[in-house]
Amino acid sequence: MARALSRRSSHQEPALANSVFDPCTAASRTASFLLPAVPAAVREGRRRVRTTLLGWGLGLDEDSSWSLTVVCGELLVRAVRRAAGGPAGRLAVGVDVEGDQLIVDVLE
């Protein structure tokens, strides 16, 4: 399982983990989808995560959106590589927002 977690903290230096999005005041949100465990799925996975979060109106700026795309791409590439050589399978991608936390899970 690959996971990215963002939590705002006043004592941390500015970093990718802190720049994913501004705190969300809306209720918790969850989305999930399946992708084939093949390299071509990485692009589709990045697009779907980004589209989902933009649809939730979290106030992503251009830099945060780009950072999110990079992190999701890395998670997906790693999952595809781990699945390589095995039977053709699927990746399960989950996106959760709770308060000021963003969690992206990629399970192979």
N, C-alpha and C. Protein backbone atom coordinates (compact mmCIF):
# COMPACT_ATOMS: atom_id res chain seq x y z
N MET A 1 0.84 -1.17 0.00
CA MET A 1 0.00 0.00 0.00
C MET A 1 0.89 1.23 0.00
N ALA A 2 0.54 2.20 -0.80
CA ALA A 2 1.22 3.49 -0.80
C ALA A 2 0.25 4.52 -0.27
N ARG A 3 0.75 5.46 0.49
CA ARG A 3 -0.14 6.44 1.09
C ARG A 3 0.53 7.80 1.16
N ALA A 4 -0.24 8.84 0.86
CA ALA A 4 0.23 10.21 1.04
C ALA A 4 -0.71 10.88 2.02
N LEU A 5 -0.16 11.58 2.97
CA LEU A 5 -0.97 12.23 4.00
C LEU A 5 -0.49 13.65 4.16
N SER A 6 -1.40 14.57 4.17
CA SER A 6 -1.07 15.97 4.42
C SER A 6 -1.77 16.42 5.68
N ARG A 7 -1.02 16.99 6.58
CA ARG A 7 -1.60 17.57 7.79
C ARG A 7 -0.90 18.89 8.03
N ARG A 8 -1.65 19.94 8.17
CA ARG A 8 -1.05 21.24 8.46
C ARG A 8 -0.55 21.25 9.89
N SER A 9 0.61 21.83 10.06
CA SER A 9 1.19 21.96 11.39
C SER A 9 1.98 23.25 11.45
N SER A 10 1.78 24.04 12.48
CA SER A 10 2.44 25.33 12.58
C SER A 10 3.93 25.20 12.85
N HIS A 11 4.40 24.05 13.35
CA HIS A 11 5.81 23.90 13.67
C HIS A 11 6.63 23.26 12.56
N GLN A 12 6.03 22.93 11.43
CA GLN A 12 6.76 22.32 10.33
C GLN A 12 7.19 23.38 9.33
N GLU A 13 8.33 23.13 8.69
CA GLU A 13 8.80 23.99 7.61
C GLU A 13 7.86 23.80 6.41
N PRO A 14 7.72 24.83 5.58
CA PRO A 14 6.92 24.64 4.38
C PRO A 14 7.49 23.50 3.54
N ALA A 15 6.64 22.61 3.14
CA ALA A 15 7.07 21.44 2.37
C ALA A 15 5.90 20.95 1.55
N LEU A 16 6.18 20.01 0.68
CA LEU A 16 5.14 19.44 -0.17
C LEU A 16 3.96 18.95 0.66
N ALA A 17 4.24 18.28 1.78
CA ALA A 17 3.16 17.72 2.60
C ALA A 17 2.26 18.81 3.15
N ASN A 18 2.79 20.02 3.33
CA ASN A 18 1.99 21.10 3.89
C ASN A 18 1.34 21.97 2.82
N SER A 19 1.64 21.74 1.56
CA SER A 19 1.14 22.62 0.53
C SER A 19 0.04 22.00 -0.33
N VAL A 20 -0.46 20.85 0.06
CA VAL A 20 -1.42 20.16 -0.79
C VAL A 20 -2.72 20.94 -0.92
N PHE A 21 -3.27 21.45 0.18
CA PHE A 21 -4.48 22.26 0.08
C PHE A 21 -4.72 23.00 1.38
N ASP A 22 -5.54 24.03 1.28
CA ASP A 22 -5.93 24.77 2.47
C ASP A 22 -6.93 23.95 3.26
N PRO A 23 -7.06 24.20 4.57
CA PRO A 23 -8.01 23.42 5.37
C PRO A 23 -9.41 23.46 4.78
N CYS A 24 -10.04 22.35 4.80
CA CYS A 24 -11.39 22.20 4.25
C CYS A 24 -12.39 22.37 5.38
N THR A 25 -13.37 23.22 5.19
CA THR A 25 -14.38 23.41 6.23
C THR A 25 -15.60 22.54 5.99
N ALA A 26 -15.66 21.90 4.85
CA ALA A 26 -16.81 21.04 4.54
C ALA A 26 -16.70 19.72 5.30
N ALA A 27 -17.77 18.96 5.25
CA ALA A 27 -17.79 17.64 5.90
C ALA A 27 -16.78 16.72 5.22
N SER A 28 -16.51 15.61 5.87
CA SER A 28 -15.58 14.63 5.32
C SER A 28 -16.08 14.14 3.96
N ARG A 29 -15.13 13.85 3.09
CA ARG A 29 -15.47 13.38 1.75
C ARG A 29 -14.59 12.19 1.42
N THR A 30 -15.16 11.25 0.68
CA THR A 30 -14.44 10.04 0.29
C THR A 30 -14.81 9.67 -1.14
N ALA A 31 -13.81 9.24 -1.89
CA ALA A 31 -14.03 8.74 -3.25
C ALA A 31 -13.07 7.58 -3.47
N SER A 32 -13.45 6.66 -4.33
CA SER A 32 -12.56 5.56 -4.67
C SER A 32 -12.85 5.10 -6.09
N PHE A 33 -11.84 4.48 -6.70
CA PHE A 33 -12.01 3.95 -8.04
C PHE A 33 -10.95 2.89 -8.29
N LEU A 34 -11.20 2.05 -9.29
CA LEU A 34 -10.27 0.98 -9.68
C LEU A 34 -9.62 1.33 -11.01
N LEU A 35 -8.36 0.92 -11.14
CA LEU A 35 -7.62 1.09 -12.38
C LEU A 35 -6.89 -0.20 -12.69
N PRO A 36 -6.62 -0.49 -13.96
CA PRO A 36 -5.78 -1.65 -14.27
C PRO A 36 -4.35 -1.37 -13.80
N ALA A 37 -3.65 -2.39 -13.36
CA ALA A 37 -2.28 -2.23 -12.86
C ALA A 37 -1.30 -2.25 -14.03
N VAL A 38 -1.41 -1.24 -14.89
CA VAL A 38 -0.55 -1.09 -16.06
C VAL A 38 -0.04 0.35 -16.11
N PRO A 39 1.12 0.58 -16.73
CA PRO A 39 1.67 1.94 -16.77
C PRO A 39 0.73 3.00 -17.31
N ALA A 40 -0.07 2.66 -18.29
CA ALA A 40 -0.99 3.64 -18.87
C ALA A 40 -2.03 4.15 -17.86
N ALA A 41 -2.24 3.44 -16.78
CA ALA A 41 -3.23 3.83 -15.77
C ALA A 41 -2.76 4.99 -14.90
N VAL A 42 -1.46 5.24 -14.88
CA VAL A 42 -0.91 6.31 -14.03
C VAL A 42 -1.51 7.66 -14.41
N ARG A 43 -1.51 7.96 -15.68
CA ARG A 43 -2.06 9.24 -16.15
C ARG A 43 -3.54 9.38 -15.79
N GLU A 44 -4.30 8.32 -16.03
CA GLU A 44 -5.74 8.35 -15.71
C GLU A 44 -5.96 8.51 -14.21
N GLY A 45 -5.17 7.84 -13.39
CA GLY A 45 -5.30 7.96 -11.94
C GLY A 45 -5.03 9.37 -11.45
N ARG A 46 -3.98 9.98 -11.96
CA ARG A 46 -3.67 11.38 -11.58
C ARG A 46 -4.82 12.29 -11.96
N ARG A 47 -5.33 12.11 -13.16
CA ARG A 47 -6.43 12.95 -13.64
C ARG A 47 -7.66 12.80 -12.77
N ARG A 48 -7.99 11.56 -12.42
CA ARG A 48 -9.21 11.31 -11.64
C ARG A 48 -9.10 11.86 -10.22
N VAL A 49 -7.93 11.72 -9.59
CA VAL A 49 -7.75 12.28 -8.24
C VAL A 49 -7.88 13.80 -8.30
N ARG A 50 -7.19 14.42 -9.25
CA ARG A 50 -7.23 15.88 -9.36
C ARG A 50 -8.64 16.37 -9.65
N THR A 51 -9.33 15.73 -10.58
CA THR A 51 -10.70 16.11 -10.92
C THR A 51 -11.64 15.97 -9.72
N THR A 52 -11.47 14.89 -8.96
CA THR A 52 -12.29 14.67 -7.76
C THR A 52 -12.10 15.80 -6.77
N LEU A 53 -10.85 16.13 -6.46
CA LEU A 53 -10.57 17.17 -5.48
C LEU A 53 -11.03 18.54 -5.96
N LEU A 54 -10.82 18.85 -7.22
CA LEU A 54 -11.30 20.12 -7.76
C LEU A 54 -12.82 20.20 -7.68
N GLY A 55 -13.49 19.07 -7.93
CA GLY A 55 -14.94 19.02 -7.85
C GLY A 55 -15.47 19.25 -6.44
N TRP A 56 -14.66 18.90 -5.45
CA TRP A 56 -15.06 19.13 -4.06
C TRP A 56 -14.87 20.57 -3.63
N GLY A 57 -14.26 21.40 -4.45
CA GLY A 57 -14.10 22.82 -4.14
C GLY A 57 -13.22 23.08 -2.94
N LEU A 58 -12.07 22.44 -2.89
CA LEU A 58 -11.17 22.59 -1.75
C LEU A 58 -10.28 23.83 -1.84
N GLY A 59 -10.38 24.58 -2.89
CA GLY A 59 -9.59 25.79 -3.02
C GLY A 59 -8.14 25.53 -3.39
N LEU A 60 -7.90 24.51 -4.21
CA LEU A 60 -6.53 24.21 -4.64
C LEU A 60 -6.02 25.32 -5.55
N ASP A 61 -4.83 25.85 -5.23
CA ASP A 61 -4.21 26.78 -6.16
C ASP A 61 -3.40 25.98 -7.18
N GLU A 62 -2.83 26.65 -8.16
CA GLU A 62 -2.12 25.95 -9.24
C GLU A 62 -0.91 25.16 -8.72
N ASP A 63 -0.14 25.74 -7.78
CA ASP A 63 1.02 25.04 -7.21
C ASP A 63 0.60 23.79 -6.44
N SER A 64 -0.45 23.91 -5.64
CA SER A 64 -0.93 22.77 -4.86
C SER A 64 -1.46 21.68 -5.77
N SER A 65 -2.16 22.08 -6.81
CA SER A 65 -2.70 21.11 -7.75
C SER A 65 -1.56 20.35 -8.44
N TRP A 66 -0.51 21.07 -8.84
CA TRP A 66 0.65 20.43 -9.48
C TRP A 66 1.33 19.47 -8.51
N SER A 67 1.54 19.91 -7.26
CA SER A 67 2.18 19.06 -6.25
C SER A 67 1.38 17.79 -6.02
N LEU A 68 0.08 17.94 -5.93
CA LEU A 68 -0.80 16.79 -5.74
C LEU A 68 -0.68 15.81 -6.91
N THR A 69 -0.62 16.33 -8.12
CA THR A 69 -0.48 15.49 -9.30
C THR A 69 0.82 14.70 -9.25
N VAL A 70 1.90 15.34 -8.84
CA VAL A 70 3.20 14.67 -8.75
C VAL A 70 3.17 13.56 -7.71
N VAL A 71 2.63 13.85 -6.52
CA VAL A 71 2.57 12.85 -5.45
C VAL A 71 1.71 11.66 -5.88
N CYS A 72 0.55 11.92 -6.43
CA CYS A 72 -0.33 10.83 -6.88
C CYS A 72 0.34 10.00 -7.97
N GLY A 73 1.03 10.67 -8.88
CA GLY A 73 1.75 9.95 -9.93
C GLY A 73 2.80 9.02 -9.35
N GLU A 74 3.55 9.49 -8.36
CA GLU A 74 4.57 8.65 -7.72
C GLU A 74 3.94 7.44 -7.03
N LEU A 75 2.84 7.66 -6.32
CA LEU A 75 2.17 6.54 -5.66
C LEU A 75 1.70 5.50 -6.68
N LEU A 76 1.13 5.98 -7.77
CA LEU A 76 0.62 5.07 -8.80
C LEU A 76 1.76 4.33 -9.51
N VAL A 77 2.84 5.02 -9.83
CA VAL A 77 3.98 4.37 -10.49
C VAL A 77 4.54 3.27 -9.60
N ARG A 78 4.69 3.55 -8.33
CA ARG A 78 5.21 2.54 -7.40
C ARG A 78 4.29 1.33 -7.32
N ALA A 79 2.99 1.58 -7.27
CA ALA A 79 2.04 0.46 -7.20
C ALA A 79 2.08 -0.37 -8.48
N VAL A 80 2.18 0.28 -9.63
CA VAL A 80 2.26 -0.45 -10.91
C VAL A 80 3.53 -1.28 -10.94
N ARG A 81 4.65 -0.72 -10.51
CA ARG A 81 5.91 -1.47 -10.49
C ARG A 81 5.83 -2.68 -9.58
N ARG A 82 5.20 -2.51 -8.43
CA ARG A 82 5.08 -3.63 -7.49
C ARG A 82 4.18 -4.73 -8.05
N ALA A 83 3.21 -4.34 -8.85
CA ALA A 83 2.29 -5.32 -9.43
C ALA A 83 2.88 -6.00 -10.67
N ALA A 84 3.96 -5.44 -11.22
CA ALA A 84 4.57 -5.99 -12.44
C ALA A 84 5.06 -7.41 -12.20
N GLY A 85 4.88 -8.25 -13.18
CA GLY A 85 5.34 -9.63 -13.08
C GLY A 85 4.29 -10.56 -12.50
N GLY A 86 3.31 -10.00 -11.84
CA GLY A 86 2.24 -10.81 -11.27
C GLY A 86 1.09 -10.90 -12.26
N PRO A 87 0.04 -11.58 -11.86
CA PRO A 87 -1.13 -11.65 -12.74
C PRO A 87 -1.69 -10.24 -12.95
N ALA A 88 -2.23 -10.01 -14.13
CA ALA A 88 -2.80 -8.69 -14.41
C ALA A 88 -3.85 -8.38 -13.37
N GLY A 89 -3.65 -7.32 -12.65
CA GLY A 89 -4.55 -6.99 -11.57
C GLY A 89 -5.06 -5.57 -11.68
N ARG A 90 -5.56 -5.11 -10.57
CA ARG A 90 -6.13 -3.77 -10.50
C ARG A 90 -5.51 -3.01 -9.34
N LEU A 91 -5.56 -1.68 -9.47
CA LEU A 91 -5.17 -0.79 -8.39
C LEU A 91 -6.44 -0.18 -7.82
N ALA A 92 -6.54 -0.16 -6.51
CA ALA A 92 -7.65 0.52 -5.85
C ALA A 92 -7.12 1.85 -5.34
N VAL A 93 -7.75 2.93 -5.76
CA VAL A 93 -7.33 4.27 -5.37
C VAL A 93 -8.42 4.87 -4.50
N GLY A 94 -8.04 5.37 -3.33
CA GLY A 94 -8.98 6.01 -2.43
C GLY A 94 -8.52 7.42 -2.11
N VAL A 95 -9.46 8.35 -2.07
CA VAL A 95 -9.18 9.74 -1.73
C VAL A 95 -10.11 10.12 -0.59
N ASP A 96 -9.53 10.57 0.51
CA ASP A 96 -10.32 10.96 1.67
C ASP A 96 -9.89 12.35 2.14
N VAL A 97 -10.87 13.18 2.48
CA VAL A 97 -10.61 14.49 3.07
C VAL A 97 -11.38 14.55 4.37
N GLU A 98 -10.66 14.82 5.45
CA GLU A 98 -11.28 15.02 6.76
C GLU A 98 -10.64 16.24 7.39
N GLY A 99 -11.40 17.32 7.50
CA GLY A 99 -10.84 18.54 8.06
C GLY A 99 -9.69 19.03 7.22
N ASP A 100 -8.51 19.14 7.83
CA ASP A 100 -7.34 19.63 7.08
C ASP A 100 -6.43 18.50 6.63
N GLN A 101 -6.95 17.28 6.56
CA GLN A 101 -6.15 16.13 6.13
C GLN A 101 -6.63 15.62 4.77
N LEU A 102 -5.65 15.33 3.94
CA LEU A 102 -5.91 14.69 2.65
C LEU A 102 -5.16 13.37 2.66
N ILE A 103 -5.88 12.28 2.40
CA ILE A 103 -5.26 10.96 2.37
C ILE A 103 -5.54 10.35 1.00
N VAL A 104 -4.47 9.93 0.33
CA VAL A 104 -4.59 9.23 -0.94
C VAL A 104 -3.97 7.86 -0.74
N ASP A 105 -4.77 6.82 -0.89
CA ASP A 105 -4.30 5.43 -0.78
C ASP A 105 -4.29 4.80 -2.16
N VAL A 106 -3.23 4.05 -2.45
CA VAL A 106 -3.17 3.25 -3.67
C VAL A 106 -2.82 1.84 -3.25
N LEU A 107 -3.74 0.92 -3.47
CA LEU A 107 -3.54 -0.49 -3.10
C LEU A 107 -3.40 -1.32 -4.36
N GLU A 108 -2.37 -2.19 -4.38
CA GLU A 108 -2.23 -3.06 -5.54
C GLU A 108 -2.73 -4.44 -5.21
